[in-house]
Amino acid sequence: MTERFAESEEITKKIGEILIDSPPATLAKGDYIADGVDSELDELRKIARGGKAWIAAMQASEREKTGIPSLKVGYNKVFGYYLEVTKTHQSKVPETYIRKQTLVNAERFITPELKEYEEKILTAEERILEVEQRLFDELRFWILGRAGDIQQNAELLNELDLSCTVAEVAKLKNYVRPSVSDTTVIELTDSRHPVVETLLAPGEKFVANDLSVSTDTNQIHLVTGPNMAGKSTYLRQVGLTVIMAQIGSFVPARAATIGLVDRLFTRVGASDNLAGGESTFMVEMTEAANILNNATGRSLVLFDEIGRGTATFDGLSLAWAITEYLHNSEGAHARTIFATHYHELTELSDQLERVVNFNVAVKETGEKIVFLRKIQPGPCDKSYGIHVAQMAGLPASVISRASDILEQLVRHEPLTEQPTPKRSTDQIDLFAERESRLREAIAAMEPDQMTPMEALTKLAQLKRDHEL
């Protein structure tokens, strides 16, 4: 790469010769051109910088000529330079002095010599700014003529910086070199999310997952599972891995084969454009339309839910038709990973030859669920929305009522206005009652007012009282 860099020593040398080592942030006050660059500038600076010495010399000279030992030369912004004589020595003031200002205890005068020097000083300061600006403009135009070399070097430095950065990250994070091919296969072994794994708490390990997708055999992956189980993370890590591979980076996996992708399409999250009159559902459909109208057999499509912003049957119908289109349309056989809560879509694997089902593993322990974060073959056997709502802290009465309604919907029974006796809030089971008491006890605590020892003692007491 070094032979591609343009020679820039002349540029840096000239800048170093003309500008001082630490120039000011603005040009307004000058003093950014080095000494010795311009003879006129040096002479003007000598005049401006020699003011104190000239004043001291004039003051000594005037004291000697007039015999006034307290005479002094001063300056202010209103009157400029002046000679000040106290009232005690007024009789000694020469006739050549011109009275300028009267004070309580003194008189101020000017002389032709002092006025001439003042004009020279002020003119010098203005001229210094003009000369410095001229020299700076000349430097800029000279550098502009070498902009091509500077831009070439900047691009190479940018490339070098990027290469060094991805190399360092690859080494620190144990990334692997991907095999980039001209096929439509994407195979990842122990794939990880490059950002999420970095943000995990100390001691927590990211659960890696595999992927094998091909336009010819298993083009569309339908991934089902509860919220928070890891579907979105899985989709995003696949997308990031493909991008990293195609920019020349190593990737977060144990092995990776990436068939070239012409475009990466995503339909994720929920956002609106109210100023433009677009609801979240309209934005979602606009994004989906863009994907279907532009995807090719070389594309990668990541759907994180489709159709949730409308009625259940409408949303399911749209998601079903979109999946069929990606499968059946000749020009849009894009590799697709579709995370969805519509379990009905899993039936498509029986109807479309290149649709396969995957789910996020979940472990149930009583009424609790544990997310295993592992993607495994097959459809999800049930939804866990109420479990997730319970984990989020919804009131026990709401969770109980939602369970009643769910049972009635599953049995195709008409919904009742009140909870059924089996799930009545007046008949909370033993575990729900224990949890309620524990919540009340925790809510009554004031951790900010407790010492560490008091907190440990209180924790031990809670374990005994609530049989934990």
Protein backbone atom coordinates (compact mmCIF):
# COMPACT_ATOMS: atom_id res chain seq x y z
CA MET A 1 0.00 0.00 0.00
CA THR A 2 2.88 2.40 0.70
CA GLU A 3 3.68 2.81 -3.00
CA ARG A 4 0.16 4.17 -3.54
CA PHE A 5 0.73 7.16 -1.25
CA ALA A 6 1.48 10.47 -2.99
CA GLU A 7 4.60 12.39 -1.92
CA SER A 8 3.45 15.03 0.58
CA GLU A 9 6.70 16.15 2.22
CA GLU A 10 6.68 19.42 0.27
CA ILE A 11 3.16 20.20 1.51
CA THR A 12 3.91 19.56 5.16
CA LYS A 13 7.20 21.44 4.92
CA LYS A 14 5.56 24.54 3.45
CA ILE A 15 2.78 24.54 6.04
CA GLY A 16 5.37 24.19 8.81
CA GLU A 17 7.41 27.08 7.41
CA ILE A 18 4.52 29.53 7.01
CA LEU A 19 2.31 28.81 10.02
CA ILE A 20 3.37 28.89 13.67
CA ASP A 21 3.34 25.60 15.60
CA SER A 22 0.21 26.46 17.63
CA PRO A 23 -1.94 28.88 15.59
CA PRO A 24 -5.07 30.45 17.16
CA ALA A 25 -8.54 29.01 16.55
CA THR A 26 -9.65 32.07 14.52
CA LEU A 27 -7.94 34.41 12.07
CA ALA A 28 -9.53 37.58 13.44
CA LYS A 29 -6.65 38.64 15.70
CA GLY A 30 -3.82 37.46 13.49
CA ASP A 31 -0.52 36.14 14.85
CA TYR A 32 -0.59 32.85 12.95
CA ILE A 33 2.10 33.49 10.33
CA ALA A 34 5.63 32.61 11.45
CA ASP A 35 8.43 35.19 11.69
CA GLY A 36 10.84 35.33 8.75
CA VAL A 37 8.19 34.52 6.12
CA ASP A 38 7.68 38.10 4.87
CA SER A 39 10.03 41.07 5.38
CA GLU A 40 7.18 43.63 5.46
CA LEU A 41 5.39 41.62 8.12
CA ASP A 42 8.55 41.37 10.19
CA GLU A 43 9.07 45.16 10.03
CA LEU A 44 5.48 45.87 11.01
CA ARG A 45 5.70 43.47 13.93
CA LYS A 46 8.93 45.16 15.05
CA ILE A 47 7.09 48.48 15.18
CA ALA A 48 4.07 47.03 16.99
CA ARG A 49 6.08 44.95 19.44
CA GLY A 50 8.60 47.72 20.17
CA GLY A 51 5.99 50.06 21.57
CA LYS A 52 6.89 49.60 25.23
CA ALA A 53 10.57 50.25 24.67
CA TRP A 54 9.84 53.36 22.56
CA ILE A 55 7.47 54.76 25.20
CA ALA A 56 9.97 54.14 28.00
CA ALA A 57 12.68 55.90 25.98
CA MET A 58 10.46 58.89 25.16
CA GLN A 59 9.33 59.19 28.77
CA ALA A 60 12.93 59.30 30.00
CA SER A 61 13.87 61.80 27.27
CA GLU A 62 10.96 64.17 28.07
CA ARG A 63 11.63 64.06 31.78
CA GLU A 64 15.22 65.09 31.15
CA LYS A 65 14.29 67.90 28.69
CA THR A 66 11.49 69.39 30.85
CA GLY A 67 12.87 68.71 34.30
CA ILE A 68 9.54 67.13 35.30
CA PRO A 69 10.43 63.90 37.18
CA SER A 70 6.78 62.67 37.42
CA LEU A 71 6.00 63.08 33.69
CA LYS A 72 4.71 59.87 32.14
CA VAL A 73 3.57 58.63 28.74
CA GLY A 74 0.21 56.79 28.79
CA TYR A 75 -2.47 55.41 26.45
CA ASN A 76 -6.24 54.86 26.43
CA LYS A 77 -8.68 53.88 23.72
CA VAL A 78 -10.44 57.26 23.68
CA PHE A 79 -7.49 59.70 23.38
CA GLY A 80 -4.70 57.39 22.26
CA TYR A 81 -1.14 58.19 23.46
CA TYR A 82 -0.59 61.21 25.75
CA LEU A 83 1.90 62.94 28.07
CA GLU A 84 0.60 63.43 31.63
CA VAL A 85 1.91 66.23 33.92
CA THR A 86 0.69 66.90 37.47
CA LYS A 87 -0.63 70.35 38.40
CA THR A 88 2.48 70.91 40.54
CA HIS A 89 4.71 71.08 37.45
CA GLN A 90 2.39 73.00 35.09
CA SER A 91 4.83 75.90 34.86
CA LYS A 92 7.49 73.62 33.36
CA VAL A 93 5.32 72.42 30.44
CA PRO A 94 6.96 73.41 27.10
CA GLU A 95 5.01 75.49 24.56
CA THR A 96 5.29 72.66 22.03
CA TYR A 97 2.93 70.49 24.17
CA ILE A 98 -0.71 70.57 23.01
CA ARG A 99 -3.29 70.30 25.80
CA LYS A 100 -5.61 67.32 25.23
CA GLN A 101 -7.46 66.66 28.51
CA THR A 102 -7.75 68.23 31.97
CA LEU A 103 -7.98 66.04 35.07
CA VAL A 104 -8.43 66.96 38.75
CA ASN A 105 -4.74 66.73 39.58
CA ALA A 106 -3.09 66.64 36.17
CA GLU A 107 -3.12 67.75 32.56
CA ARG A 108 -2.67 65.53 29.50
CA PHE A 109 -0.84 66.69 26.38
CA ILE A 110 0.21 65.44 22.97
CA THR A 111 3.11 66.35 20.75
CA PRO A 112 3.59 65.99 16.98
CA GLU A 113 6.18 63.29 17.60
CA LEU A 114 3.84 61.29 19.83
CA LYS A 115 0.94 61.64 17.37
CA GLU A 116 3.12 60.45 14.51
CA TYR A 117 4.21 57.39 16.48
CA GLU A 118 0.59 56.60 17.47
CA GLU A 119 -0.47 56.66 13.84
CA LYS A 120 2.44 54.42 12.91
CA ILE A 121 1.51 51.90 15.65
CA LEU A 122 -2.19 51.74 14.74
CA THR A 123 -1.42 51.54 11.04
CA ALA A 124 1.06 48.75 11.69
CA GLU A 125 -1.52 46.62 13.57
CA GLU A 126 -4.09 46.96 10.79
CA ARG A 127 -1.48 46.27 8.15
CA ILE A 128 -0.26 43.17 10.02
CA LEU A 129 -3.74 41.63 9.77
CA GLU A 130 -3.91 42.41 6.04
CA VAL A 131 -0.49 40.91 5.33
CA GLU A 132 -1.18 37.77 7.39
CA GLN A 133 -4.51 37.24 5.59
CA ARG A 134 -2.77 37.66 2.20
CA LEU A 135 -0.06 35.14 3.08
CA PHE A 136 -2.64 32.67 4.43
CA ASP A 137 -4.74 32.93 1.25
CA GLU A 138 -1.64 32.34 -0.86
CA LEU A 139 -0.91 29.20 1.19
CA ARG A 140 -4.46 27.94 0.77
CA PHE A 141 -4.44 28.39 -3.01
CA TRP A 142 -1.05 26.67 -3.21
CA ILE A 143 -2.39 23.69 -1.21
CA LEU A 144 -5.55 23.62 -3.34
CA GLY A 145 -3.36 22.91 -6.35
CA ARG A 146 -2.21 19.74 -4.57
CA ALA A 147 -5.69 18.67 -3.36
CA GLY A 148 -5.57 15.52 -5.49
CA ASP A 149 -2.54 14.18 -3.65
CA ILE A 150 -4.06 15.06 -0.25
CA GLN A 151 -7.36 13.37 -1.10
CA GLN A 152 -5.57 10.30 -2.41
CA ASN A 153 -3.61 9.98 0.82
CA ALA A 154 -6.76 10.61 2.89
CA GLU A 155 -8.55 7.75 1.13
CA LEU A 156 -5.61 5.42 1.70
CA LEU A 157 -5.39 6.41 5.36
CA ASN A 158 -9.12 5.78 5.68
CA GLU A 159 -8.70 2.36 4.11
CA LEU A 160 -5.75 1.62 6.38
CA ASP A 161 -7.66 2.78 9.45
CA LEU A 162 -10.64 0.58 8.57
CA SER A 163 -8.43 -2.44 7.90
CA CYS A 164 -6.53 -2.03 11.16
CA THR A 165 -9.75 -1.55 13.12
CA VAL A 166 -11.54 -4.64 11.78
CA ALA A 167 -8.32 -6.64 12.19
CA GLU A 168 -7.99 -5.59 15.81
CA VAL A 169 -11.63 -6.38 16.57
CA ALA A 170 -11.36 -9.73 14.80
CA LYS A 171 -8.41 -10.69 16.95
CA LEU A 172 -9.88 -9.46 20.23
CA LYS A 173 -13.33 -10.98 19.61
CA ASN A 174 -12.18 -14.25 18.01
CA TYR A 175 -13.81 -13.63 14.61
CA VAL A 176 -13.29 -15.99 11.68
CA ARG A 177 -12.39 -15.33 8.05
CA PRO A 178 -15.53 -15.95 5.92
CA SER A 179 -15.56 -17.74 2.62
CA VAL A 180 -17.33 -15.45 0.14
CA SER A 181 -18.71 -17.32 -2.86
CA ASP A 182 -20.77 -16.71 -5.98
CA THR A 183 -23.53 -19.05 -4.79
CA THR A 184 -26.81 -18.23 -3.02
CA VAL A 185 -25.83 -20.18 0.11
CA ILE A 186 -25.33 -18.58 3.52
CA GLU A 187 -23.98 -20.96 6.14
CA LEU A 188 -22.99 -19.78 9.60
CA THR A 189 -21.72 -21.95 12.44
CA ASP A 190 -21.98 -20.56 15.97
CA SER A 191 -22.94 -17.14 14.69
CA ARG A 192 -22.95 -14.28 17.23
CA HIS A 193 -24.19 -10.68 17.37
CA PRO A 194 -21.08 -8.45 17.33
CA VAL A 195 -22.69 -5.72 19.45
CA VAL A 196 -24.91 -7.64 21.86
CA GLU A 197 -22.14 -10.02 22.91
CA THR A 198 -19.97 -7.03 23.81
CA LEU A 199 -22.69 -5.48 25.99
CA LEU A 200 -23.47 -8.57 28.03
CA ALA A 201 -22.92 -8.44 31.78
CA PRO A 202 -19.65 -9.92 33.08
CA GLY A 203 -19.87 -13.71 33.25
CA GLU A 204 -22.87 -13.90 30.89
CA LYS A 205 -22.14 -15.78 27.67
CA PHE A 206 -23.78 -15.09 24.32
CA VAL A 207 -25.67 -18.10 22.95
CA ALA A 208 -24.41 -18.72 19.42
CA ASN A 209 -26.64 -20.08 16.66
CA ASP A 210 -26.28 -21.72 13.25
CA LEU A 211 -27.83 -20.81 9.92
CA SER A 212 -28.02 -22.61 6.61
CA VAL A 213 -30.13 -20.96 3.92
CA SER A 214 -30.10 -21.36 0.14
CA THR A 215 -32.31 -20.09 -2.65
CA ASP A 216 -32.52 -23.60 -4.12
CA THR A 217 -33.40 -25.71 -1.07
CA ASN A 218 -34.52 -23.82 2.04
CA GLN A 219 -35.07 -20.29 0.80
CA ILE A 220 -37.46 -19.04 3.51
CA HIS A 221 -36.96 -19.60 7.24
CA LEU A 222 -40.02 -18.98 9.41
CA VAL A 223 -38.85 -18.35 12.98
CA THR A 224 -41.48 -18.49 15.72
CA GLY A 225 -41.15 -18.01 19.46
CA PRO A 226 -42.12 -15.63 22.26
CA ASN A 227 -41.08 -12.03 22.66
CA MET A 228 -37.67 -11.52 24.29
CA ALA A 229 -36.59 -15.02 23.26
CA GLY A 230 -33.98 -13.75 20.78
CA LYS A 231 -35.62 -13.74 17.34
CA SER A 232 -34.75 -10.10 16.58
CA THR A 233 -31.17 -10.56 17.73
CA TYR A 234 -30.86 -13.60 15.46
CA LEU A 235 -32.11 -11.69 12.42
CA ARG A 236 -29.86 -8.73 13.05
CA GLN A 237 -26.72 -10.79 13.62
CA VAL A 238 -27.25 -12.53 10.28
CA GLY A 239 -27.61 -9.17 8.52
CA LEU A 240 -24.56 -7.69 10.24
CA THR A 241 -22.49 -10.77 9.46
CA VAL A 242 -23.30 -10.55 5.75
CA ILE A 243 -22.42 -6.84 5.65
CA MET A 244 -19.16 -7.40 7.54
CA ALA A 245 -18.16 -10.24 5.21
CA GLN A 246 -18.82 -8.20 2.08
CA ILE A 247 -16.77 -5.21 3.26
CA GLY A 248 -13.80 -7.52 3.81
CA SER A 249 -14.06 -8.02 7.57
CA PHE A 250 -13.79 -11.21 9.57
CA VAL A 251 -17.12 -12.19 11.14
CA PRO A 252 -18.38 -13.26 14.59
CA ALA A 253 -18.77 -17.01 14.03
CA ARG A 254 -16.82 -20.26 14.18
CA ALA A 255 -17.23 -20.78 10.43
CA ALA A 256 -18.97 -18.78 7.70
CA THR A 257 -19.75 -19.18 4.01
CA ILE A 258 -21.41 -16.14 2.47
CA GLY A 259 -23.04 -16.28 -0.96
CA LEU A 260 -22.86 -12.77 -2.41
CA VAL A 261 -25.82 -10.52 -1.60
CA ASP A 262 -26.77 -7.69 -3.97
CA ARG A 263 -29.11 -5.97 -1.50
CA LEU A 264 -30.03 -6.44 2.14
CA PHE A 265 -33.67 -5.60 2.90
CA THR A 266 -35.05 -5.29 6.43
CA ARG A 267 -38.53 -4.74 7.83
CA VAL A 268 -37.99 -4.32 11.54
CA GLY A 269 -39.31 -2.27 14.45
CA ALA A 270 -42.31 0.04 14.58
CA SER A 271 -42.26 3.68 13.49
CA ASP A 272 -44.68 6.19 12.03
CA ASN A 273 -44.57 9.27 9.84
CA LEU A 274 -47.42 11.30 11.29
CA ALA A 275 -46.30 14.52 9.58
CA GLY A 276 -46.61 12.69 6.27
CA GLY A 277 -49.96 11.13 7.21
CA GLU A 278 -48.54 7.61 7.56
CA SER A 279 -49.41 5.34 10.48
CA THR A 280 -47.08 2.63 11.76
CA PHE A 281 -48.96 0.07 9.69
CA MET A 282 -48.72 2.23 6.56
CA VAL A 283 -44.96 2.62 7.08
CA GLU A 284 -44.71 -1.15 7.55
CA MET A 285 -46.59 -1.83 4.32
CA THR A 286 -44.52 0.77 2.43
CA GLU A 287 -41.35 -0.99 3.54
CA ALA A 288 -42.78 -4.37 2.58
CA ALA A 289 -43.79 -3.01 -0.84
CA ASN A 290 -40.27 -1.73 -1.45
CA ILE A 291 -38.87 -5.17 -0.63
CA LEU A 292 -41.24 -7.11 -2.86
CA ASN A 293 -40.76 -4.69 -5.77
CA ASN A 294 -36.95 -4.69 -5.62
CA ALA A 295 -35.77 -8.01 -4.18
CA THR A 296 -33.94 -10.42 -6.48
CA GLY A 297 -32.68 -13.97 -6.22
CA ARG A 298 -29.42 -12.50 -4.90
CA SER A 299 -31.03 -10.48 -2.09
CA LEU A 300 -31.31 -11.18 1.62
CA VAL A 301 -34.62 -10.26 3.28
CA LEU A 302 -35.06 -9.97 7.05
CA PHE A 303 -38.67 -9.67 8.22
CA ASP A 304 -39.17 -8.97 11.92
CA GLU A 305 -42.96 -9.28 11.99
CA ILE A 306 -45.38 -8.30 9.24
CA GLY A 307 -49.01 -7.25 9.62
CA ARG A 308 -49.22 -6.60 13.36
CA GLY A 309 -50.63 -3.08 12.93
CA THR A 310 -54.04 -4.21 11.69
CA ALA A 311 -56.72 -6.80 12.51
CA THR A 312 -55.43 -10.32 13.18
CA PHE A 313 -56.95 -11.89 10.07
CA ASP A 314 -55.81 -8.99 7.85
CA GLY A 315 -52.28 -9.17 9.21
CA LEU A 316 -52.10 -12.95 8.91
CA SER A 317 -53.44 -12.84 5.37
CA LEU A 318 -50.87 -10.27 4.30
CA ALA A 319 -47.99 -12.15 5.95
CA TRP A 320 -49.15 -15.38 4.26
CA ALA A 321 -49.43 -13.76 0.80
CA ILE A 322 -46.05 -12.00 1.14
CA THR A 323 -44.37 -15.30 2.00
CA GLU A 324 -45.99 -17.00 -0.99
CA TYR A 325 -44.88 -14.16 -3.27
CA LEU A 326 -41.24 -14.43 -2.18
CA HIS A 327 -41.40 -18.17 -2.75
CA ASN A 328 -43.27 -18.28 -6.03
CA SER A 329 -42.25 -15.10 -7.87
CA GLU A 330 -39.56 -15.87 -10.43
CA GLY A 331 -37.64 -12.64 -9.93
CA ALA A 332 -37.88 -12.46 -6.12
CA HIS A 333 -36.50 -15.78 -4.85
CA ALA A 334 -34.67 -13.90 -2.12
CA ARG A 335 -33.16 -15.68 0.84
CA THR A 336 -35.55 -14.76 3.63
CA ILE A 337 -35.63 -15.04 7.41
CA PHE A 338 -39.08 -14.23 8.73
CA ALA A 339 -39.62 -13.87 12.49
CA THR A 340 -43.32 -13.97 13.29
CA HIS A 341 -45.90 -14.51 16.01
CA TYR A 342 -48.42 -15.88 13.53
CA HIS A 343 -48.17 -19.60 14.26
CA GLU A 344 -50.59 -20.24 11.40
CA LEU A 345 -47.78 -19.37 8.97
CA THR A 346 -45.88 -22.48 10.00
CA GLU A 347 -48.38 -24.50 7.92
CA LEU A 348 -46.73 -23.04 4.81
CA SER A 349 -43.87 -25.51 5.18
CA ASP A 350 -46.32 -28.25 4.15
CA GLN A 351 -47.43 -26.30 1.07
CA LEU A 352 -44.28 -24.57 -0.18
CA GLU A 353 -41.20 -26.73 -0.82
CA ARG A 354 -38.57 -24.14 0.13
CA VAL A 355 -40.18 -22.93 3.38
CA VAL A 356 -38.80 -24.39 6.62
CA ASN A 357 -39.77 -23.79 10.23
CA PHE A 358 -37.52 -22.86 13.13
CA ASN A 359 -38.28 -21.80 16.67
CA VAL A 360 -36.50 -20.31 19.67
CA ALA A 361 -36.13 -22.88 22.43
CA VAL A 362 -37.99 -22.14 25.67
CA LYS A 363 -37.92 -24.10 28.92
CA GLU A 364 -41.01 -24.14 31.13
CA THR A 365 -40.72 -24.56 34.90
CA GLY A 366 -44.17 -24.46 36.39
CA GLU A 367 -45.73 -21.16 35.39
CA LYS A 368 -42.35 -19.64 34.61
CA ILE A 369 -40.43 -19.72 31.32
CA VAL A 370 -36.71 -19.55 30.65
CA PHE A 371 -35.41 -18.31 27.31
CA LEU A 372 -32.65 -20.60 26.03
CA ARG A 373 -31.85 -18.29 23.07
CA LYS A 374 -31.25 -21.33 20.82
CA ILE A 375 -32.70 -21.56 17.31
CA GLN A 376 -33.88 -25.10 16.59
CA PRO A 377 -35.79 -26.80 13.75
CA GLY A 378 -39.58 -26.99 13.84
CA PRO A 379 -42.42 -24.62 14.68
CA CYS A 380 -43.03 -23.16 18.13
CA ASP A 381 -45.66 -25.29 19.93
CA LYS A 382 -47.37 -22.40 21.75
CA SER A 383 -47.31 -18.69 22.43
CA TYR A 384 -45.98 -17.27 25.67
CA GLY A 385 -47.36 -13.73 25.51
CA ILE A 386 -49.05 -13.90 28.91
CA HIS A 387 -45.88 -15.29 30.50
CA VAL A 388 -43.87 -12.38 29.11
CA ALA A 389 -46.49 -9.91 30.34
CA GLN A 390 -46.20 -11.46 33.80
CA MET A 391 -42.42 -11.09 33.68
CA ALA A 392 -42.89 -7.43 32.75
CA GLY A 393 -44.79 -6.85 36.01
CA LEU A 394 -48.45 -6.60 34.97
CA PRO A 395 -50.82 -6.87 37.97
CA ALA A 396 -51.72 -10.42 38.97
CA SER A 397 -55.42 -9.71 38.36
CA VAL A 398 -54.71 -8.73 34.75
CA ILE A 399 -52.61 -11.86 34.15
CA SER A 400 -55.34 -14.03 35.71
CA ARG A 401 -58.08 -12.44 33.61
CA ALA A 402 -55.99 -12.73 30.41
CA SER A 403 -55.51 -16.44 31.10
CA ASP A 404 -59.31 -16.86 31.46
CA ILE A 405 -59.95 -15.08 28.18
CA LEU A 406 -57.27 -17.12 26.41
CA GLU A 407 -58.86 -20.38 27.56
CA GLN A 408 -62.25 -19.25 26.32
CA LEU A 409 -60.83 -18.21 22.94
CA VAL A 410 -59.06 -21.55 22.55
CA ARG A 411 -62.31 -23.38 23.34
CA HIS A 412 -64.23 -21.01 20.99
CA GLU A 413 -66.48 -19.97 23.86
CA PRO A 414 -68.15 -16.54 24.10
CA LEU A 415 -66.20 -14.17 26.32
CA THR A 416 -67.71 -13.53 29.79
CA GLU A 417 -67.65 -10.13 31.47
CA GLN A 418 -66.27 -11.48 34.76
CA PRO A 419 -63.49 -13.96 35.49
CA THR A 420 -64.61 -17.58 35.68
CA PRO A 421 -64.69 -19.12 39.18
CA LYS A 422 -61.65 -21.22 38.38
CA ARG A 423 -59.51 -18.10 37.87
CA SER A 424 -61.32 -15.71 40.21
CA THR A 425 -59.11 -13.05 41.70
CA ASP A 426 -60.67 -13.94 45.06
CA GLN A 427 -59.18 -17.42 44.77
CA ILE A 428 -55.54 -16.68 44.15
CA ASP A 429 -53.52 -19.85 44.29
CA LEU A 430 -50.83 -20.42 46.90
CA PHE A 431 -47.94 -19.33 44.68
CA ALA A 432 -49.63 -16.13 43.47
CA GLU A 433 -50.55 -15.19 47.05
CA ARG A 434 -46.96 -15.79 48.23
CA GLU A 435 -45.64 -13.67 45.36
CA SER A 436 -48.08 -10.88 46.21
CA ARG A 437 -46.96 -10.81 49.85
CA LEU A 438 -43.31 -10.79 48.79
CA ARG A 439 -43.91 -7.86 46.41
CA GLU A 440 -45.57 -5.88 49.23
CA ALA A 441 -42.67 -6.59 51.59
CA ILE A 442 -40.11 -5.49 49.01
CA ALA A 443 -42.09 -2.35 48.16
CA ALA A 444 -42.11 -1.37 51.85
CA MET A 445 -38.29 -1.47 52.06
CA GLU A 446 -36.17 1.67 51.75
CA PRO A 447 -32.77 0.49 50.44
CA ASP A 448 -31.29 4.02 50.41
CA GLN A 449 -31.75 4.20 54.17
CA MET A 450 -30.18 0.80 54.93
CA THR A 451 -26.60 -0.18 55.60
CA PRO A 452 -25.17 -3.18 53.71
CA MET A 453 -25.47 -5.33 56.85
CA GLU A 454 -29.10 -4.26 57.38
CA ALA A 455 -29.87 -5.12 53.75
CA LEU A 456 -28.36 -8.62 54.10
CA THR A 457 -30.29 -9.18 57.33
CA LYS A 458 -33.54 -8.06 55.67
CA LEU A 459 -32.89 -10.36 52.70
CA ALA A 460 -32.36 -13.34 55.02
CA GLN A 461 -35.59 -12.48 56.82
CA LEU A 462 -37.55 -12.31 53.56
CA LYS A 463 -36.26 -15.75 52.57
CA ARG A 464 -37.41 -17.21 55.89
CA ASP A 465 -40.78 -15.46 55.97
CA HIS A 466 -41.71 -16.33 52.38
CA GLU A 467 -40.15 -19.82 52.29
CA LEU A 468 -37.84 -19.01 49.38
